Amino acid sequence: MHSDHVKAHFEEEAKIFDVLILNVVPNYKEMISALISAIPFPKDKRFSVADLGCGTGTISKAVTDAFPNVSVTCIDIAENMLDIAKTKVGKGAKYVLADLNDYEFEERYDLIVSSLALHHLESDGDKMRLYRKIHSALNPNGMFVNADIVLGENERLQSVNMEKWHEFLKRSFPEDEIQKKWLPTYYAEDRPARLLSHLDMLRECGFSVVDVIYKYYGYAVYCAEK
């Protein structure tokens, strides 16, 4: 039922998502830039990419802008999100309506990316299962890059992450809305893991190189090469 709740939430907010995310996620544009900078291919190379939990297509659009010969597959649980992604990324991409909890890759890719999606997977076991699928779905020397919410290593560090996020939210939202909407939504819908846990899981799946490209308190961009 957790994924059904998340799906309903994103269907409702799809139209305002692009504006909203800049007010909810600190330095979101910098996260996207970090993700793009991690991609190891020449600008003119032809390669394939899958965008997991593509949302409105922001990451896919950034990839196609940076690599004009790329072929893109956008995958998301919310149909409204995919509809907006189609207008942003274009007709040349493929669009797949699917839940990452049970999605099975039908193709192999040179690159798999994701942004602010994997933290919705309920448990570390669910994340690990997806990482194994990602590793199998990548071509040799392929790369996975994820930009997402992460937990602090202990309660004190996590409280620092939450304090910094709260400070950021206060720039755009009244305290009443933060207390009644944003913090409850985080605890109800988000299931982030520790950054070092992600790196350990990726190594366990067989990735040869794992690294962190960017981190700002509770947000990180990390990558893994097959």
Foldseek 3Di string as FASTA:
>chain_A
DLVVVVQVVLLVCLVVVVVVCPLQDPPVVVLLVLQLVPADDPQADEWEEEEEQCFLPPSVLVNCVSRVNYEYEYEHQYPSRQVNNCVRNHDRYHYYHDDLLDDADPAAGQEYEYEAPLQQQADLVSVLVSLLRNVVRYDAQGKYKYKHFAADPDPVLNVVLVVVSVVSNVVPDPPVCCVPPVVVCCVSGGRHYHPVSVQVSNVVSPFDDKDWRDDDRRITMIMTTD
